[in-house]
Amino acid sequence: MDFGFQDFDKARNLKFWESEASDPNDVVGLVPQQAMISNAGKLQKQLSSTALDGAETLLTPTSQNHPNNESPKKLESSVVETNPGCPFYGRGSPRWLSTEAEQPPSSADSSNDSFIPNVSTGLMYGKVFGITRHTFKTDIINMLQGSNLTVDDIKFSYNRSYMPIASMVQFPSHQAYDIANRTLAKKGRLYRLERADRSEWDILMPYDGKTVLLRGVPRSASIDDVERFLSGCEYDPSSIQMPRQGLPVTLVRFPTRTAAMNAFITKNRGFCLNNPITVRVLE
């Protein structure tokens, strides 16, 4: 390093060739000019090699080279800032810039990336406990306002004596189920909503409010006696199920809900063979 600077000073002090060697072919002027060019080349080469050696020494992760526990990445930035003109060949590959606009991700890709399922869609099933034999589907719909229910979304579960156990409800979404749960919670402990399976919904027989139950028909009664009791009502005579052992009730199917409700209004508390008959519509 010192040798290069001394030669450079000597070459710079040799000014006599500028005045004495006016002729470019003069030998006296060419000798110091060639010496100056040679010394300058040596100086530049030595400066480059010294800068590279210093950079490699600074980037070596040893405790001697890093007295202040500086990271190699930080030292690399200091070397580049100190010697901005010196090439540094230890860097990574350059990153190419593009002038093309990046395409935004499609909606399909964004939906695939989301790992949280959409729980606001899909059917939900529940059981409403606390109903009585006088409860209708319309009562369930009015009680669960905000759940967007219809009469086709409700079925009643009965025991062998046709006493209602619970009302099976098909909710259109998880959100509708949550709304119904909060609504029943505000009404106290009279009603309770529990989750149910799709299989429980499928095995229930839908009466749809078109089946009438006649309780109190004597065993000695015939189908003609039942038809005589239902005179004036529109029903299906082939659907009459007379009382039998273990099932002391009579079931009659009507074409519409209105016809079944009309039979309930006009025939309830009537008499068949001098026995009082209780009429009830099965939902």
Protein backbone atom coordinates (compact mmCIF):
# COMPACT_ATOMS: atom_id res chain seq x y z
CA MET A 1 0.00 0.00 0.00
CA ASP A 2 2.84 2.47 0.92
CA PHE A 3 4.80 1.49 -2.17
CA GLY A 4 1.91 2.45 -4.43
CA PHE A 5 1.42 5.89 -2.88
CA GLN A 6 5.13 6.67 -3.06
CA ASP A 7 5.30 5.75 -6.74
CA PHE A 8 2.20 7.85 -7.37
CA ASP A 9 3.81 10.87 -5.68
CA LYS A 10 6.98 10.40 -7.70
CA ALA A 11 5.02 10.16 -10.90
CA ARG A 12 3.05 13.30 -10.07
CA ASN A 13 6.23 15.27 -9.28
CA LEU A 14 7.76 14.50 -12.65
CA LYS A 15 6.39 17.58 -14.39
CA PHE A 16 9.40 18.31 -16.55
CA TRP A 17 8.09 16.14 -19.40
CA GLU A 18 5.16 18.51 -19.89
CA SER A 19 7.49 21.43 -20.70
CA GLU A 20 10.52 19.76 -22.19
CA ALA A 21 8.86 17.01 -24.18
CA SER A 22 6.65 19.04 -26.45
CA ASP A 23 7.15 16.53 -29.20
CA PRO A 24 5.05 13.39 -28.65
CA ASN A 25 7.82 11.31 -30.21
CA ASP A 26 10.43 12.68 -27.86
CA VAL A 27 12.09 9.84 -25.94
CA VAL A 28 12.89 12.01 -22.95
CA GLY A 29 9.17 12.78 -22.38
CA LEU A 30 7.92 9.25 -23.05
CA VAL A 31 9.90 7.58 -20.32
CA PRO A 32 8.39 9.43 -17.35
CA GLN A 33 4.88 9.28 -18.96
CA GLN A 34 5.03 5.49 -19.30
CA ALA A 35 6.34 5.18 -15.77
CA MET A 36 3.46 7.28 -14.47
CA ILE A 37 0.84 5.20 -16.31
CA SER A 38 2.41 1.96 -15.06
CA ASN A 39 2.53 3.15 -11.48
CA ALA A 40 -1.08 4.39 -11.61
CA GLY A 41 -2.22 0.97 -12.88
CA LYS A 42 -0.39 -0.78 -10.10
CA LEU A 43 -1.96 1.58 -7.56
CA GLN A 44 -5.51 0.94 -8.81
CA LYS A 45 -4.96 -2.82 -8.86
CA GLN A 46 -3.51 -2.78 -5.34
CA LEU A 47 -6.41 -0.66 -4.03
CA SER A 48 -8.95 -3.07 -5.50
CA SER A 49 -7.26 -6.15 -4.03
CA THR A 50 -6.91 -4.43 -0.64
CA ALA A 51 -10.62 -3.52 -0.57
CA LEU A 52 -11.61 -7.09 -1.41
CA ASP A 53 -9.33 -8.52 1.26
CA GLY A 54 -10.77 -6.11 3.81
CA ALA A 55 -14.33 -7.01 2.89
CA GLU A 56 -13.65 -10.75 3.19
CA THR A 57 -11.98 -10.19 6.56
CA LEU A 58 -14.95 -8.19 7.85
CA LEU A 59 -17.47 -10.77 6.64
CA THR A 60 -15.71 -13.68 8.42
CA PRO A 61 -17.97 -14.60 11.44
CA THR A 62 -15.29 -14.77 14.16
CA SER A 63 -15.09 -13.17 17.55
CA GLN A 64 -11.88 -11.30 16.61
CA ASN A 65 -13.39 -9.65 13.56
CA HIS A 66 -16.61 -8.77 15.42
CA PRO A 67 -15.57 -7.20 18.71
CA ASN A 68 -18.95 -5.47 19.08
CA ASN A 69 -20.93 -8.65 18.18
CA GLU A 70 -22.11 -7.06 14.97
CA SER A 71 -23.81 -9.38 12.50
CA PRO A 72 -22.09 -10.05 9.14
CA LYS A 73 -25.09 -8.57 7.35
CA LYS A 74 -24.61 -5.24 9.13
CA LEU A 75 -20.89 -5.19 8.38
CA GLU A 76 -21.58 -5.90 4.76
CA SER A 77 -23.75 -2.81 4.50
CA SER A 78 -21.01 -0.71 6.17
CA VAL A 79 -18.40 -1.93 3.70
CA VAL A 80 -20.60 -1.07 0.77
CA GLU A 81 -21.31 2.37 2.15
CA THR A 82 -17.64 3.05 2.94
CA ASN A 83 -16.43 1.89 -0.47
CA PRO A 84 -19.25 2.61 -2.88
CA GLY A 85 -16.95 2.53 -5.87
CA CYS A 86 -15.42 -0.87 -5.22
CA PRO A 87 -17.18 -3.92 -6.68
CA PHE A 88 -18.32 -6.52 -4.18
CA TYR A 89 -18.56 -10.02 -5.61
CA GLY A 90 -19.88 -11.78 -2.46
CA ARG A 91 -23.41 -10.51 -2.85
CA GLY A 92 -26.39 -12.65 -3.80
CA SER A 93 -27.89 -12.76 -7.23
CA PRO A 94 -29.58 -9.50 -8.28
CA ARG A 95 -33.38 -9.27 -8.25
CA TRP A 96 -34.89 -8.23 -11.53
CA LEU A 97 -37.66 -5.67 -11.51
CA SER A 98 -40.73 -6.05 -13.69
CA THR A 99 -42.86 -3.24 -15.06
CA GLU A 100 -45.87 -5.54 -15.50
CA ALA A 101 -48.67 -5.16 -12.97
CA GLU A 102 -49.23 -8.12 -10.68
CA GLN A 103 -52.48 -9.98 -11.21
CA PRO A 104 -54.74 -9.94 -8.12
CA PRO A 105 -55.68 -13.36 -6.73
CA SER A 106 -58.94 -14.73 -8.06
CA SER A 107 -61.95 -15.24 -5.82
CA ALA A 108 -61.70 -19.01 -6.30
CA ASP A 109 -58.12 -19.04 -5.01
CA SER A 110 -59.03 -16.91 -2.03
CA SER A 111 -61.91 -19.21 -1.17
CA ASN A 112 -59.65 -22.25 -1.37
CA ASP A 113 -57.07 -20.65 0.89
CA SER A 114 -59.55 -19.98 3.67
CA PHE A 115 -59.48 -22.90 6.08
CA ILE A 116 -62.47 -21.78 8.14
CA PRO A 117 -65.66 -23.39 6.81
CA ASN A 118 -68.71 -21.34 6.15
CA VAL A 119 -71.02 -22.33 8.95
CA SER A 120 -73.82 -19.96 7.95
CA THR A 121 -75.13 -22.42 5.31
CA GLY A 122 -76.61 -25.91 5.59
CA LEU A 123 -79.60 -27.41 7.36
CA MET A 124 -79.77 -27.82 11.12
CA TYR A 125 -82.14 -30.02 13.09
CA GLY A 126 -83.42 -29.53 16.61
CA LYS A 127 -85.99 -30.77 19.08
CA VAL A 128 -88.28 -28.41 20.96
CA PHE A 129 -89.41 -29.87 24.28
CA GLY A 130 -92.27 -28.55 26.39
CA ILE A 131 -95.12 -28.77 23.87
CA THR A 132 -98.57 -30.11 24.73
CA ARG A 133 -101.30 -31.94 22.83
CA HIS A 134 -102.90 -28.61 22.01
CA THR A 135 -99.76 -27.24 20.30
CA PHE A 136 -99.91 -26.69 16.55
CA LYS A 137 -97.20 -26.07 13.96
CA THR A 138 -98.28 -22.44 13.69
CA ASP A 139 -97.61 -22.07 17.41
CA ILE A 140 -94.02 -23.26 16.89
CA ILE A 141 -93.55 -20.84 13.98
CA ASN A 142 -94.86 -17.90 16.03
CA MET A 143 -92.75 -18.90 19.00
CA LEU A 144 -89.54 -19.10 16.93
CA GLN A 145 -89.95 -15.83 15.06
CA GLY A 146 -86.89 -14.83 13.04
CA SER A 147 -85.89 -18.38 12.10
CA ASN A 148 -87.75 -18.34 8.72
CA LEU A 149 -89.70 -21.54 9.37
CA THR A 150 -92.64 -22.99 7.45
CA VAL A 151 -95.15 -25.73 8.31
CA ASP A 152 -93.10 -28.15 6.18
CA ASP A 153 -90.08 -27.59 8.48
CA ILE A 154 -91.85 -28.98 11.55
CA LYS A 155 -92.76 -32.52 12.58
CA PHE A 156 -94.19 -33.82 15.83
CA SER A 157 -92.92 -36.86 17.66
CA TYR A 158 -95.62 -38.94 19.44
CA ASN A 159 -95.56 -41.90 21.78
CA ARG A 160 -97.78 -45.00 21.44
CA SER A 161 -100.75 -43.15 22.92
CA TYR A 162 -100.23 -40.29 20.46
CA MET A 163 -99.17 -37.86 23.13
CA PRO A 164 -96.61 -35.37 21.78
CA ILE A 165 -93.07 -35.81 23.07
CA ALA A 166 -91.24 -33.11 21.16
CA SER A 167 -91.42 -31.04 18.04
CA MET A 168 -88.73 -31.77 15.43
CA VAL A 169 -87.68 -28.61 13.59
CA GLN A 170 -85.64 -28.32 10.39
CA PHE A 171 -83.77 -24.99 10.42
CA PRO A 172 -82.60 -23.51 7.11
CA SER A 173 -79.18 -22.49 8.51
CA HIS A 174 -76.98 -22.51 11.60
CA GLN A 175 -77.82 -18.85 12.13
CA ALA A 176 -81.56 -19.64 12.25
CA TYR A 177 -80.86 -22.32 14.86
CA ASP A 178 -78.91 -19.86 17.01
CA ILE A 179 -81.71 -17.29 16.76
CA ALA A 180 -84.28 -19.89 17.88
CA ASN A 181 -82.05 -20.93 20.77
CA ARG A 182 -81.75 -17.34 22.00
CA THR A 183 -85.50 -16.78 21.58
CA LEU A 184 -86.38 -19.81 23.71
CA ALA A 185 -83.83 -18.77 26.33
CA LYS A 186 -85.72 -15.50 26.80
CA LYS A 187 -88.98 -17.38 27.42
CA GLY A 188 -87.65 -19.12 30.51
CA ARG A 189 -87.70 -22.85 31.23
CA LEU A 190 -91.05 -23.65 29.62
CA TYR A 191 -89.37 -24.76 26.37
CA ARG A 192 -86.00 -26.31 25.59
CA LEU A 193 -84.18 -26.69 22.26
CA GLU A 194 -81.70 -29.49 21.66
CA ARG A 195 -79.79 -30.53 18.58
CA ALA A 196 -80.96 -33.56 16.62
CA ASP A 197 -79.73 -35.70 13.73
CA ARG A 198 -81.06 -35.93 10.20
CA SER A 199 -81.89 -39.60 10.79
CA GLU A 200 -84.36 -38.66 13.53
CA TRP A 201 -86.08 -36.31 11.11
CA ASP A 202 -86.35 -38.92 8.36
CA ILE A 203 -87.96 -41.66 10.45
CA LEU A 204 -90.80 -39.45 11.69
CA MET A 205 -94.11 -39.91 9.92
CA PRO A 206 -95.48 -36.54 8.76
CA TYR A 207 -99.15 -36.12 9.60
CA ASP A 208 -99.08 -32.54 8.23
CA GLY A 209 -102.20 -31.56 10.18
CA LYS A 210 -104.39 -33.70 7.91
CA THR A 211 -104.91 -36.65 10.27
CA VAL A 212 -107.61 -36.57 12.96
CA LEU A 213 -107.47 -38.73 16.08
CA LEU A 214 -110.76 -39.87 17.61
CA ARG A 215 -110.38 -40.94 21.21
CA GLY A 216 -113.25 -42.69 23.01
CA VAL A 217 -114.73 -44.76 20.15
CA PRO A 218 -115.99 -48.03 21.73
CA ARG A 219 -114.47 -51.30 20.60
CA SER A 220 -117.87 -52.55 19.55
CA ALA A 221 -118.20 -49.71 17.07
CA SER A 222 -117.95 -50.40 13.36
CA ILE A 223 -116.71 -48.33 10.43
CA ASP A 224 -120.34 -47.37 9.70
CA ASP A 225 -120.62 -45.92 13.22
CA VAL A 226 -117.49 -43.79 12.65
CA GLU A 227 -118.77 -42.61 9.26
CA ARG A 228 -122.06 -41.69 10.86
CA PHE A 229 -120.17 -39.70 13.50
CA LEU A 230 -118.19 -37.83 10.77
CA SER A 231 -121.22 -37.08 8.62
CA GLY A 232 -120.95 -33.69 6.98
CA CYS A 233 -117.11 -33.79 6.90
CA GLU A 234 -114.89 -34.32 3.91
CA TYR A 235 -112.52 -37.23 4.57
CA ASP A 236 -111.08 -40.39 3.02
CA PRO A 237 -113.23 -43.40 4.10
CA SER A 238 -110.51 -45.87 3.16
CA SER A 239 -108.12 -44.28 5.66
CA ILE A 240 -110.20 -45.08 8.77
CA GLN A 241 -108.19 -47.13 11.31
CA MET A 242 -110.48 -48.65 13.94
CA PRO A 243 -109.41 -49.22 17.57
CA ARG A 244 -107.42 -52.39 18.17
CA GLN A 245 -105.66 -54.11 21.03
CA GLY A 246 -103.09 -51.77 22.57
CA LEU A 247 -104.26 -48.80 20.48
CA PRO A 248 -107.66 -47.54 21.69
CA VAL A 249 -107.88 -44.69 19.19
CA THR A 250 -109.29 -44.17 15.70
CA LEU A 251 -107.33 -42.36 12.95
CA VAL A 252 -108.98 -40.70 9.95
CA ARG A 253 -107.17 -39.00 7.07
CA PHE A 254 -108.51 -35.77 5.55
CA PRO A 255 -107.57 -34.26 2.17
CA THR A 256 -106.58 -30.83 3.51
CA ARG A 257 -105.63 -29.15 6.77
CA THR A 258 -108.73 -27.01 6.54
CA ALA A 259 -110.99 -30.07 6.34
CA ALA A 260 -109.28 -31.65 9.33
CA MET A 261 -109.59 -28.45 11.37
CA ASN A 262 -113.27 -28.21 10.41
CA ALA A 263 -113.86 -31.74 11.76
CA PHE A 264 -112.09 -30.76 14.98
CA ILE A 265 -114.32 -27.72 15.43
CA THR A 266 -117.63 -29.39 14.59
CA LYS A 267 -117.16 -32.92 15.99
CA ASN A 268 -115.12 -32.45 19.16
CA ARG A 269 -116.97 -33.55 22.28
CA GLY A 270 -119.54 -35.39 20.15
CA PHE A 271 -121.00 -38.84 20.82
CA CYS A 272 -120.57 -42.20 19.12
CA LEU A 273 -122.75 -44.98 20.52
CA ASN A 274 -123.42 -42.78 23.55
CA ASN A 275 -119.67 -42.43 24.23
CA PRO A 276 -118.08 -38.94 24.26
CA ILE A 277 -115.45 -38.55 21.57
CA THR A 278 -112.44 -36.29 21.82
CA VAL A 279 -111.16 -35.03 18.46
CA ARG A 280 -107.56 -33.92 17.99
CA VAL A 281 -105.54 -32.99 14.93
CA LEU A 282 -102.13 -34.65 14.60
CA GLU A 283 -99.38 -32.40 13.37
